[in-house]
Amino acid sequence: MINTNDLKEMNAFLKQLDGKNVTSSIYVDNLHSPFVLLENEYLLPSISNMDLTIRDIFPYLKVLASLIPEAIVGCSILPMQKPKRESGKISFVKEISIRGYNYLYVFKIDAAYLGGSPKEKIKVPATQVTHPAIETDRIYFSSRIIPIKNVIRADGEIIDFEIQNFDKGIFFSEVERETDKSDMPRNYSELFDEVDYSNIVEPIKLGLKILHPNWNLGKIYEPVYIEYLTLSVRFLCASFKEIYSHFSHFYEVLEVVHTGGIISDISLRNFTYWLGKHSFERNISPSGNMRWKILLK
């Protein structure tokens, strides 16, 4: 866990950021992971393959500040990973409050080299305790908003958060609630320790009209999912301002997690309108893998 003084220094750096993102495109790769594709390459710094410290994070902060400042301006760095198995990632968070309910913007960066680059792009080789430094034109990321009860602070800095428990029953009919007792998610990948929430997510997607023609991306990327044991809305975007602009029109999609109420017709229309803004172009990466360029109307 990052110590408080280092956390304060990095958060102060984030709060004074300014500027616009450089020209780039958003893609989703063949493993359904989103990334920013830049026009020019940059040096992805070498980092520890253990717990990250300010020595690992700050060099990359300065790189991100020059490339995608809109994604991280005013954020705080979460000093420990949630879930803990996600080593090599940096989480930037920002608290949001709407109509008295709390949410958390979580922008997560893969700071570790993920493999697949030509040998000539590796500028500092890996060691037993560090990932390599490479030249790349990609920034792998994920961005989401989740409902929370509150953030947890230490010496004024966000160090953790308490999620708002999600009752899947708000998206199920009475008959479904009686017949479907499978509240527990199913483990389906021992190799990656992944969890299958499809028995919960599919009825939610139907209730939120996440289907063609509203959602043209199909299974390329899921706009809602169960993360941190609660419902999340996920964005293919690297700008907090843009994300908040969209979310502010359909926040009731997550407000129901707080209230157990019903999503208004207006919010549902706004949500489906946002879904319909997404389309894609299919193409092939330099390494020969399928990828999808995300287009936003």
C-alpha atoms as a PDB file:
ATOM      1  CA  MET A   1       0.000   0.000   0.000  1.00  0.00           C
ATOM      2  CA  ILE A   2       1.302   3.451  -0.936  1.00  0.00           C
ATOM      3  CA  ASN A   3       2.188   5.580   2.090  1.00  0.00           C
ATOM      4  CA  THR A   4       0.250   8.768   2.818  1.00  0.00           C
ATOM      5  CA  ASN A   5       2.992  11.277   2.002  1.00  0.00           C
ATOM      6  CA  ASP A   6       3.612   9.721  -1.413  1.00  0.00           C
ATOM      7  CA  LEU A   7      -0.138   9.586  -2.024  1.00  0.00           C
ATOM      8  CA  LYS A   8      -0.490  13.281  -1.187  1.00  0.00           C
ATOM      9  CA  GLU A   9       2.321  14.188  -3.579  1.00  0.00           C
ATOM     10  CA  MET A  10       0.825  12.264  -6.493  1.00  0.00           C
ATOM     11  CA  ASN A  11      -2.732  13.442  -5.841  1.00  0.00           C
ATOM     12  CA  ALA A  12      -1.538  17.054  -5.703  1.00  0.00           C
ATOM     13  CA  PHE A  13       0.037  16.509  -9.122  1.00  0.00           C
ATOM     14  CA  LEU A  14      -3.271  15.164 -10.486  1.00  0.00           C
ATOM     15  CA  LYS A  15      -5.303  18.051  -9.103  1.00  0.00           C
ATOM     16  CA  GLN A  16      -3.230  20.680 -10.930  1.00  0.00           C
ATOM     17  CA  LEU A  17      -3.449  18.973 -14.322  1.00  0.00           C
ATOM     18  CA  ASP A  18      -4.807  20.849 -17.312  1.00  0.00           C
ATOM     19  CA  GLY A  19      -4.974  20.415 -21.052  1.00  0.00           C
ATOM     20  CA  LYS A  20      -6.646  18.225 -23.647  1.00  0.00           C
ATOM     21  CA  ASN A  21      -6.050  14.638 -24.689  1.00  0.00           C
ATOM     22  CA  VAL A  22      -3.786  14.162 -27.680  1.00  0.00           C
ATOM     23  CA  THR A  23      -5.354  12.898 -30.902  1.00  0.00           C
ATOM     24  CA  SER A  24      -6.159   9.214 -30.516  1.00  0.00           C
ATOM     25  CA  SER A  25      -8.724   6.485 -31.151  1.00  0.00           C
ATOM     26  CA  ILE A  26     -10.391   3.954 -28.866  1.00  0.00           C
ATOM     27  CA  TYR A  27     -10.099   0.274 -29.753  1.00  0.00           C
ATOM     28  CA  VAL A  28     -11.137  -3.030 -28.194  1.00  0.00           C
ATOM     29  CA  ASP A  29      -8.752  -5.941 -28.764  1.00  0.00           C
ATOM     30  CA  ASN A  30      -9.480  -9.624 -29.391  1.00  0.00           C
ATOM     31  CA  LEU A  31      -9.537 -10.239 -25.617  1.00  0.00           C
ATOM     32  CA  HIS A  32     -12.246  -7.534 -25.282  1.00  0.00           C
ATOM     33  CA  SER A  33      -9.865  -5.155 -23.519  1.00  0.00           C
ATOM     34  CA  PRO A  34     -10.153  -1.454 -24.466  1.00  0.00           C
ATOM     35  CA  PHE A  35      -7.126   0.663 -25.271  1.00  0.00           C
ATOM     36  CA  VAL A  36      -6.251   4.135 -26.483  1.00  0.00           C
ATOM     37  CA  LEU A  37      -4.368   4.003 -29.781  1.00  0.00           C
ATOM     38  CA  LEU A  38      -2.081   7.021 -30.143  1.00  0.00           C
ATOM     39  CA  GLU A  39      -0.714   8.581 -33.300  1.00  0.00           C
ATOM     40  CA  ASN A  40       2.829   8.421 -31.877  1.00  0.00           C
ATOM     41  CA  GLU A  41       4.672   6.005 -29.645  1.00  0.00           C
ATOM     42  CA  TYR A  42       5.802   6.712 -26.080  1.00  0.00           C
ATOM     43  CA  LEU A  43       8.002   4.899 -23.597  1.00  0.00           C
ATOM     44  CA  LEU A  44       6.031   2.705 -21.197  1.00  0.00           C
ATOM     45  CA  PRO A  45       8.245   2.809 -18.092  1.00  0.00           C
ATOM     46  CA  SER A  46       9.564  -0.268 -16.351  1.00  0.00           C
ATOM     47  CA  ILE A  47       7.677  -1.007 -13.125  1.00  0.00           C
ATOM     48  CA  SER A  48       7.903  -3.470 -10.274  1.00  0.00           C
ATOM     49  CA  ASN A  49       6.063  -6.781 -10.580  1.00  0.00           C
ATOM     50  CA  MET A  50       5.316  -6.545  -6.866  1.00  0.00           C
ATOM     51  CA  ASP A  51       3.299  -3.815  -5.101  1.00  0.00           C
ATOM     52  CA  LEU A  52       3.656  -0.499  -6.902  1.00  0.00           C
ATOM     53  CA  THR A  53       5.286   2.469  -5.168  1.00  0.00           C
ATOM     54  CA  ILE A  54       5.677   6.143  -6.060  1.00  0.00           C
ATOM     55  CA  ARG A  55       8.898   5.223  -7.913  1.00  0.00           C
ATOM     56  CA  ASP A  56       6.840   3.038 -10.262  1.00  0.00           C
ATOM     57  CA  ILE A  57       3.786   5.244 -10.576  1.00  0.00           C
ATOM     58  CA  PHE A  58       5.032   8.836 -10.810  1.00  0.00           C
ATOM     59  CA  PRO A  59       7.031   8.399 -14.064  1.00  0.00           C
ATOM     60  CA  TYR A  60       3.927   6.954 -15.708  1.00  0.00           C
ATOM     61  CA  LEU A  61       1.737   9.716 -14.241  1.00  0.00           C
ATOM     62  CA  LYS A  62       3.831  12.272 -16.100  1.00  0.00           C
ATOM     63  CA  VAL A  63       3.429  10.296 -19.333  1.00  0.00           C
ATOM     64  CA  LEU A  64      -0.346  10.018 -18.900  1.00  0.00           C
ATOM     65  CA  ALA A  65      -0.573  13.727 -18.034  1.00  0.00           C
ATOM     66  CA  SER A  66       0.925  14.553 -21.421  1.00  0.00           C
ATOM     67  CA  LEU A  67      -1.275  12.123 -23.364  1.00  0.00           C
ATOM     68  CA  ILE A  68      -4.698  11.708 -21.707  1.00  0.00           C
ATOM     69  CA  PRO A  69      -4.977  14.339 -18.947  1.00  0.00           C
ATOM     70  CA  GLU A  70      -8.778  14.488 -19.326  1.00  0.00           C
ATOM     71  CA  ALA A  71      -9.057  10.956 -17.952  1.00  0.00           C
ATOM     72  CA  ILE A  72      -7.219  11.612 -14.682  1.00  0.00           C
ATOM     73  CA  VAL A  73      -7.487  15.345 -13.879  1.00  0.00           C
ATOM     74  CA  GLY A  74      -8.697  15.930 -10.329  1.00  0.00           C
ATOM     75  CA  CYS A  75      -8.600  12.225  -9.498  1.00  0.00           C
ATOM     76  CA  SER A  76      -6.980  10.439  -6.585  1.00  0.00           C
ATOM     77  CA  ILE A  77      -4.826   7.338  -6.829  1.00  0.00           C
ATOM     78  CA  LEU A  78      -6.231   4.363  -4.995  1.00  0.00           C
ATOM     79  CA  PRO A  79      -3.283   3.223  -2.821  1.00  0.00           C
ATOM     80  CA  MET A  80      -4.142  -0.480  -3.066  1.00  0.00           C
ATOM     81  CA  GLN A  81      -5.653  -2.531  -5.861  1.00  0.00           C
ATOM     82  CA  LYS A  82      -9.231  -3.758  -5.738  1.00  0.00           C
ATOM     83  CA  PRO A  83      -9.330  -6.669  -6.395  1.00  0.00           C
ATOM     84  CA  LYS A  84      -5.871  -7.394  -5.033  1.00  0.00           C
ATOM     85  CA  ARG A  85      -5.025  -9.837  -7.846  1.00  0.00           C
ATOM     86  CA  GLU A  86      -4.878  -6.940 -10.327  1.00  0.00           C
ATOM     87  CA  SER A  87      -1.187  -6.210  -9.925  1.00  0.00           C
ATOM     88  CA  GLY A  88       0.501  -3.871 -12.375  1.00  0.00           C
ATOM     89  CA  LYS A  89      -2.512  -1.581 -12.588  1.00  0.00           C
ATOM     90  CA  ILE A  90      -3.062   1.980 -11.384  1.00  0.00           C
ATOM     91  CA  SER A  91      -6.553   3.028 -10.302  1.00  0.00           C
ATOM     92  CA  PHE A  92      -7.631   6.670 -10.458  1.00  0.00           C
ATOM     93  CA  VAL A  93     -10.840   7.507  -8.613  1.00  0.00           C
ATOM     94  CA  LYS A  94     -13.137  10.494  -8.244  1.00  0.00           C
ATOM     95  CA  GLU A  95     -16.189  10.781  -6.008  1.00  0.00           C
ATOM     96  CA  ILE A  96     -19.495  11.830  -7.605  1.00  0.00           C
ATOM     97  CA  SER A  97     -22.684  12.856  -5.809  1.00  0.00           C
ATOM     98  CA  ILE A  98     -26.069  13.144  -7.550  1.00  0.00           C
ATOM     99  CA  ARG A  99     -29.380  13.735  -5.733  1.00  0.00           C
ATOM    100  CA  GLY A 100     -27.773  12.783  -2.430  1.00  0.00           C
ATOM    101  CA  TYR A 101     -26.412   9.428  -3.635  1.00  0.00           C
ATOM    102  CA  ASN A 102     -22.740   8.616  -4.036  1.00  0.00           C
ATOM    103  CA  TYR A 103     -20.910   7.126  -6.994  1.00  0.00           C
ATOM    104  CA  LEU A 104     -17.286   6.532  -7.865  1.00  0.00           C
ATOM    105  CA  TYR A 105     -15.568   7.118 -11.178  1.00  0.00           C
ATOM    106  CA  VAL A 106     -12.829   4.502 -11.560  1.00  0.00           C
ATOM    107  CA  PHE A 107     -10.293   4.872 -14.366  1.00  0.00           C
ATOM    108  CA  LYS A 108      -7.867   1.972 -14.356  1.00  0.00           C
ATOM    109  CA  ILE A 109      -4.621   1.788 -16.329  1.00  0.00           C
ATOM    110  CA  ASP A 110      -2.523  -1.255 -17.172  1.00  0.00           C
ATOM    111  CA  ALA A 111       0.928   0.068 -16.297  1.00  0.00           C
ATOM    112  CA  ALA A 112       2.712  -3.251 -16.893  1.00  0.00           C
ATOM    113  CA  TYR A 113       3.832  -4.557 -20.271  1.00  0.00           C
ATOM    114  CA  LEU A 114       1.233  -7.075 -21.480  1.00  0.00           C
ATOM    115  CA  GLY A 115       3.382  -8.815 -24.091  1.00  0.00           C
ATOM    116  CA  GLY A 116       3.299  -9.103 -27.861  1.00  0.00           C
ATOM    117  CA  SER A 117       5.677  -6.290 -28.840  1.00  0.00           C
ATOM    118  CA  PRO A 118       8.562  -6.835 -31.300  1.00  0.00           C
ATOM    119  CA  LYS A 119      11.966  -7.251 -29.649  1.00  0.00           C
ATOM    120  CA  GLU A 120      13.206  -3.928 -31.013  1.00  0.00           C
ATOM    121  CA  LYS A 121      10.466  -2.120 -29.035  1.00  0.00           C
ATOM    122  CA  ILE A 122      11.788  -3.434 -25.693  1.00  0.00           C
ATOM    123  CA  LYS A 123      14.120  -0.696 -24.419  1.00  0.00           C
ATOM    124  CA  VAL A 124      14.782  -1.990 -20.911  1.00  0.00           C
ATOM    125  CA  PRO A 125      14.593  -5.780 -20.448  1.00  0.00           C
ATOM    126  CA  ALA A 126      12.607  -7.419 -17.694  1.00  0.00           C
ATOM    127  CA  THR A 127      14.253  -8.672 -14.533  1.00  0.00           C
ATOM    128  CA  GLN A 128      13.096 -11.013 -11.796  1.00  0.00           C
ATOM    129  CA  VAL A 129      11.447  -8.075 -10.039  1.00  0.00           C
ATOM    130  CA  THR A 130      10.518  -5.661 -12.840  1.00  0.00           C
ATOM    131  CA  HIS A 131       8.515  -5.551 -16.041  1.00  0.00           C
ATOM    132  CA  PRO A 132      10.317  -4.285 -19.170  1.00  0.00           C
ATOM    133  CA  ALA A 133      10.129  -0.748 -20.533  1.00  0.00           C
ATOM    134  CA  ILE A 134       8.822  -0.639 -24.101  1.00  0.00           C
ATOM    135  CA  GLU A 135       7.953   1.761 -26.877  1.00  0.00           C
ATOM    136  CA  THR A 136       4.243   1.485 -27.601  1.00  0.00           C
ATOM    137  CA  ASP A 137       1.346   3.428 -29.082  1.00  0.00           C
ATOM    138  CA  ARG A 138      -1.247   1.857 -26.759  1.00  0.00           C
ATOM    139  CA  ILE A 139      -2.645   2.712 -23.338  1.00  0.00           C
ATOM    140  CA  TYR A 140      -4.770  -0.126 -21.988  1.00  0.00           C
ATOM    141  CA  PHE A 141      -7.518   1.156 -19.709  1.00  0.00           C
ATOM    142  CA  SER A 142     -10.981   0.614 -18.310  1.00  0.00           C
ATOM    143  CA  SER A 143     -13.404   3.268 -17.111  1.00  0.00           C
ATOM    144  CA  ARG A 144     -16.538   2.787 -15.080  1.00  0.00           C
ATOM    145  CA  ILE A 145     -18.897   4.378 -12.581  1.00  0.00           C
ATOM    146  CA  ILE A 146     -20.144   2.362  -9.617  1.00  0.00           C
ATOM    147  CA  PRO A 147     -22.599   3.138  -6.795  1.00  0.00           C
ATOM    148  CA  ILE A 148     -20.940   3.467  -3.384  1.00  0.00           C
ATOM    149  CA  LYS A 149     -21.995   4.191   0.188  1.00  0.00           C
ATOM    150  CA  ASN A 150     -18.970   6.359   0.840  1.00  0.00           C
ATOM    151  CA  VAL A 151     -15.251   6.757   0.324  1.00  0.00           C
ATOM    152  CA  ILE A 152     -12.829   6.024   3.140  1.00  0.00           C
ATOM    153  CA  ARG A 153     -10.183   8.666   3.787  1.00  0.00           C
ATOM    154  CA  ALA A 154      -6.964   8.810   5.776  1.00  0.00           C
ATOM    155  CA  ASP A 155      -5.366  12.200   6.401  1.00  0.00           C
ATOM    156  CA  GLY A 156      -7.710  13.672   3.807  1.00  0.00           C
ATOM    157  CA  GLU A 157      -6.832  11.223   1.003  1.00  0.00           C
ATOM    158  CA  ILE A 158      -9.106   8.523  -0.440  1.00  0.00           C
ATOM    159  CA  ILE A 159      -7.680   5.126   0.488  1.00  0.00           C
ATOM    160  CA  ASP A 160     -10.702   2.861  -0.067  1.00  0.00           C
ATOM    161  CA  PHE A 161     -14.449   2.838  -0.653  1.00  0.00           C
ATOM    162  CA  GLU A 162     -17.518   0.962   0.552  1.00  0.00           C
ATOM    163  CA  ILE A 163     -19.740  -0.270  -2.241  1.00  0.00           C
ATOM    164  CA  GLN A 164     -23.524  -0.028  -2.252  1.00  0.00           C
ATOM    165  CA  ASN A 165     -24.791  -3.587  -2.131  1.00  0.00           C
ATOM    166  CA  PHE A 166     -26.602  -4.637  -5.293  1.00  0.00           C
ATOM    167  CA  ASP A 167     -29.916  -6.510  -5.154  1.00  0.00           C
ATOM    168  CA  LYS A 168     -30.285  -8.215  -8.511  1.00  0.00           C
ATOM    169  CA  GLY A 169     -34.003  -8.642  -7.808  1.00  0.00           C
ATOM    170  CA  ILE A 170     -34.737  -5.067  -8.940  1.00  0.00           C
ATOM    171  CA  PHE A 171     -34.254  -6.261 -12.524  1.00  0.00           C
ATOM    172  CA  PHE A 172     -36.115  -9.579 -12.118  1.00  0.00           C
ATOM    173  CA  SER A 173     -39.821 -10.294 -12.305  1.00  0.00           C
ATOM    174  CA  GLU A 174     -41.594 -11.828  -9.306  1.00  0.00           C
ATOM    175  CA  VAL A 175     -41.637 -15.205 -11.072  1.00  0.00           C
ATOM    176  CA  GLU A 176     -37.911 -15.000 -11.819  1.00  0.00           C
ATOM    177  CA  ARG A 177     -37.148 -14.073  -8.213  1.00  0.00           C
ATOM    178  CA  GLU A 178     -39.032 -17.156  -7.012  1.00  0.00           C
ATOM    179  CA  THR A 179     -37.572 -19.608  -9.534  1.00  0.00           C
ATOM    180  CA  ASP A 180     -34.000 -18.340  -9.781  1.00  0.00           C
ATOM    181  CA  LYS A 181     -32.143 -19.019  -6.557  1.00  0.00           C
ATOM    182  CA  SER A 182     -28.700 -18.746  -8.169  1.00  0.00           C
ATOM    183  CA  ASP A 183     -27.634 -15.519  -6.492  1.00  0.00           C
ATOM    184  CA  MET A 184     -24.081 -16.732  -6.270  1.00  0.00           C
ATOM    185  CA  PRO A 185     -21.879 -16.163  -9.316  1.00  0.00           C
ATOM    186  CA  ARG A 186     -20.221 -19.188 -10.896  1.00  0.00           C
ATOM    187  CA  ASN A 187     -16.456 -19.651 -11.170  1.00  0.00           C
ATOM    188  CA  TYR A 188     -15.614 -20.643 -14.735  1.00  0.00           C
ATOM    189  CA  SER A 189     -11.887 -20.078 -15.149  1.00  0.00           C
ATOM    190  CA  GLU A 190      -9.508 -21.525 -12.592  1.00  0.00           C
ATOM    191  CA  LEU A 191      -6.565 -20.288 -14.675  1.00  0.00           C
ATOM    192  CA  PHE A 192      -7.529 -16.615 -14.460  1.00  0.00           C
ATOM    193  CA  ASP A 193      -9.656 -16.804 -11.294  1.00  0.00           C
ATOM    194  CA  GLU A 194     -12.481 -15.162 -13.212  1.00  0.00           C
ATOM    195  CA  VAL A 195     -16.121 -15.140 -12.170  1.00  0.00           C
ATOM    196  CA  ASP A 196     -19.134 -15.753 -14.399  1.00  0.00           C
ATOM    197  CA  TYR A 197     -21.955 -13.330 -13.613  1.00  0.00           C
ATOM    198  CA  SER A 198     -23.942 -14.097 -16.785  1.00  0.00           C
ATOM    199  CA  ASN A 199     -26.897 -15.541 -14.862  1.00  0.00           C
ATOM    200  CA  ILE A 200     -27.280 -12.120 -13.221  1.00  0.00           C
ATOM    201  CA  VAL A 201     -26.173  -9.833 -16.049  1.00  0.00           C
ATOM    202  CA  GLU A 202     -28.367 -11.198 -18.847  1.00  0.00           C
ATOM    203  CA  PRO A 203     -31.711 -10.232 -17.200  1.00  0.00           C
ATOM    204  CA  ILE A 204     -30.233  -6.813 -16.394  1.00  0.00           C
ATOM    205  CA  LYS A 205     -29.268  -6.315 -20.044  1.00  0.00           C
ATOM    206  CA  LEU A 206     -32.785  -7.200 -21.119  1.00  0.00           C
ATOM    207  CA  GLY A 207     -34.284  -4.791 -18.574  1.00  0.00           C
ATOM    208  CA  LEU A 208     -32.008  -1.983 -19.761  1.00  0.00           C
ATOM    209  CA  LYS A 209     -32.622  -2.797 -23.458  1.00  0.00           C
ATOM    210  CA  ILE A 210     -28.958  -3.548 -24.120  1.00  0.00           C
ATOM    211  CA  LEU A 211     -29.611  -5.350 -27.365  1.00  0.00           C
ATOM    212  CA  HIS A 212     -29.676  -4.695 -31.085  1.00  0.00           C
ATOM    213  CA  PRO A 213     -30.390  -2.102 -32.480  1.00  0.00           C
ATOM    214  CA  ASN A 214     -29.721  -0.087 -29.286  1.00  0.00           C
ATOM    215  CA  TRP A 215     -26.318  -1.699 -28.697  1.00  0.00           C
ATOM    216  CA  ASN A 216     -24.479  -2.472 -31.927  1.00  0.00           C
ATOM    217  CA  LEU A 217     -21.279  -3.685 -30.274  1.00  0.00           C
ATOM    218  CA  GLY A 218     -22.890  -6.955 -29.167  1.00  0.00           C
ATOM    219  CA  LYS A 219     -20.392  -8.999 -27.154  1.00  0.00           C
ATOM    220  CA  ILE A 220     -17.402  -6.876 -28.207  1.00  0.00           C
ATOM    221  CA  TYR A 221     -17.831  -4.982 -24.934  1.00  0.00           C
ATOM    222  CA  GLU A 222     -20.372  -5.033 -22.107  1.00  0.00           C
ATOM    223  CA  PRO A 223     -21.665  -1.552 -21.140  1.00  0.00           C
ATOM    224  CA  VAL A 224     -22.926  -2.811 -17.768  1.00  0.00           C
ATOM    225  CA  TYR A 225     -21.433  -5.495 -15.577  1.00  0.00           C
ATOM    226  CA  ILE A 226     -21.086  -6.728 -12.006  1.00  0.00           C
ATOM    227  CA  GLU A 227     -17.825  -5.385 -10.586  1.00  0.00           C
ATOM    228  CA  TYR A 228     -16.734  -4.864  -6.977  1.00  0.00           C
ATOM    229  CA  LEU A 229     -19.870  -6.927  -6.178  1.00  0.00           C
ATOM    230  CA  THR A 230     -22.144  -4.164  -7.435  1.00  0.00           C
ATOM    231  CA  LEU A 231     -23.576  -2.935 -10.747  1.00  0.00           C
ATOM    232  CA  SER A 232     -21.302  -0.782 -12.902  1.00  0.00           C
ATOM    233  CA  VAL A 233     -21.712   1.239 -16.082  1.00  0.00           C
ATOM    234  CA  ARG A 234     -18.614   0.970 -18.287  1.00  0.00           C
ATOM    235  CA  PHE A 235     -17.441   3.565 -20.786  1.00  0.00           C
ATOM    236  CA  LEU A 236     -15.270   3.342 -23.891  1.00  0.00           C
ATOM    237  CA  CYS A 237     -13.913   6.802 -23.282  1.00  0.00           C
ATOM    238  CA  ALA A 238     -10.796   8.400 -21.746  1.00  0.00           C
ATOM    239  CA  SER A 239     -12.300  11.689 -20.556  1.00  0.00           C
ATOM    240  CA  PHE A 240     -14.014  12.184 -17.195  1.00  0.00           C
ATOM    241  CA  LYS A 241     -15.842  15.270 -18.472  1.00  0.00           C
ATOM    242  CA  GLU A 242     -17.375  13.361 -21.370  1.00  0.00           C
ATOM    243  CA  ILE A 243     -18.220  10.356 -19.207  1.00  0.00           C
ATOM    244  CA  TYR A 244     -19.937  12.504 -16.579  1.00  0.00           C
ATOM    245  CA  SER A 245     -21.841  14.402 -19.284  1.00  0.00           C
ATOM    246  CA  HIS A 246     -23.375  11.125 -20.485  1.00  0.00           C
ATOM    247  CA  PHE A 247     -23.893   9.599 -17.030  1.00  0.00           C
ATOM    248  CA  SER A 248     -25.706  12.681 -15.709  1.00  0.00           C
ATOM    249  CA  HIS A 249     -28.548  11.945 -18.158  1.00  0.00           C
ATOM    250  CA  PHE A 250     -29.106   8.322 -17.114  1.00  0.00           C
ATOM    251  CA  TYR A 251     -27.734   8.082 -13.539  1.00  0.00           C
ATOM    252  CA  GLU A 252     -31.001   6.394 -12.464  1.00  0.00           C
ATOM    253  CA  VAL A 253     -29.604   3.201 -14.007  1.00  0.00           C
ATOM    254  CA  LEU A 254     -27.348   3.072 -10.937  1.00  0.00           C
ATOM    255  CA  GLU A 255     -29.527   5.086  -8.557  1.00  0.00           C
ATOM    256  CA  VAL A 256     -31.870   2.092  -8.355  1.00  0.00           C
ATOM    257  CA  VAL A 257     -29.039   0.199  -6.669  1.00  0.00           C
ATOM    258  CA  HIS A 258     -29.276   2.768  -3.853  1.00  0.00           C
ATOM    259  CA  THR A 259     -33.059   3.036  -3.735  1.00  0.00           C
ATOM    260  CA  GLY A 260     -34.416  -0.271  -5.031  1.00  0.00           C
ATOM    261  CA  GLY A 261     -36.837   1.827  -7.086  1.00  0.00           C
ATOM    262  CA  ILE A 262     -37.770   1.973 -10.758  1.00  0.00           C
ATOM    263  CA  ILE A 263     -35.861   3.604 -13.597  1.00  0.00           C
ATOM    264  CA  SER A 264     -37.910   6.383 -15.171  1.00  0.00           C
ATOM    265  CA  ASP A 265     -38.863   6.210 -18.845  1.00  0.00           C
ATOM    266  CA  ILE A 266     -36.829   9.382 -19.480  1.00  0.00           C
ATOM    267  CA  SER A 267     -33.646   7.916 -17.979  1.00  0.00           C
ATOM    268  CA  LEU A 268     -34.131   4.657 -19.852  1.00  0.00           C
ATOM    269  CA  ARG A 269     -34.592   6.574 -23.118  1.00  0.00           C
ATOM    270  CA  ASN A 270     -31.438   8.593 -22.376  1.00  0.00           C
ATOM    271  CA  PHE A 271     -29.555   5.378 -21.620  1.00  0.00           C
ATOM    272  CA  THR A 272     -30.637   3.679 -24.851  1.00  0.00           C
ATOM    273  CA  TYR A 273     -29.794   6.880 -26.753  1.00  0.00           C
ATOM    274  CA  TRP A 274     -26.267   6.726 -25.294  1.00  0.00           C
ATOM    275  CA  LEU A 275     -26.007   3.037 -26.202  1.00  0.00           C
ATOM    276  CA  GLY A 276     -26.999   3.854 -29.787  1.00  0.00           C
ATOM    277  CA  LYS A 277     -24.164   6.364 -30.152  1.00  0.00           C
ATOM    278  CA  HIS A 278     -21.674   3.465 -30.306  1.00  0.00           C
ATOM    279  CA  SER A 279     -20.649   1.671 -33.470  1.00  0.00           C
ATOM    280  CA  PHE A 280     -17.435   0.037 -34.679  1.00  0.00           C
ATOM    281  CA  GLU A 281     -15.106  -0.769 -37.533  1.00  0.00           C
ATOM    282  CA  ARG A 282     -13.504  -4.196 -37.586  1.00  0.00           C
ATOM    283  CA  ASN A 283      -9.838  -4.433 -38.564  1.00  0.00           C
ATOM    284  CA  ILE A 284      -6.645  -6.374 -37.937  1.00  0.00           C
ATOM    285  CA  SER A 285      -3.798  -5.360 -35.628  1.00  0.00           C
ATOM    286  CA  PRO A 286      -0.156  -5.370 -36.842  1.00  0.00           C
ATOM    287  CA  SER A 287       0.294  -8.713 -35.036  1.00  0.00           C
ATOM    288  CA  GLY A 288      -2.594 -10.246 -37.008  1.00  0.00           C
ATOM    289  CA  ASN A 289      -5.267 -10.245 -34.286  1.00  0.00           C
ATOM    290  CA  MET A 290      -8.805  -8.989 -34.641  1.00  0.00           C
ATOM    291  CA  ARG A 291      -9.613  -5.611 -33.097  1.00  0.00           C
ATOM    292  CA  TRP A 292     -12.495  -3.154 -33.214  1.00  0.00           C
ATOM    293  CA  LYS A 293     -12.244   0.610 -33.590  1.00  0.00           C
ATOM    294  CA  ILE A 294     -14.964   2.261 -31.506  1.00  0.00           C
ATOM    295  CA  LEU A 295     -16.925   5.035 -33.197  1.00  0.00           C
ATOM    296  CA  LEU A 296     -19.061   7.491 -31.252  1.00  0.00           C
ATOM    297  CA  LYS A 297     -21.667   9.571 -33.041  1.00  0.00           C
END
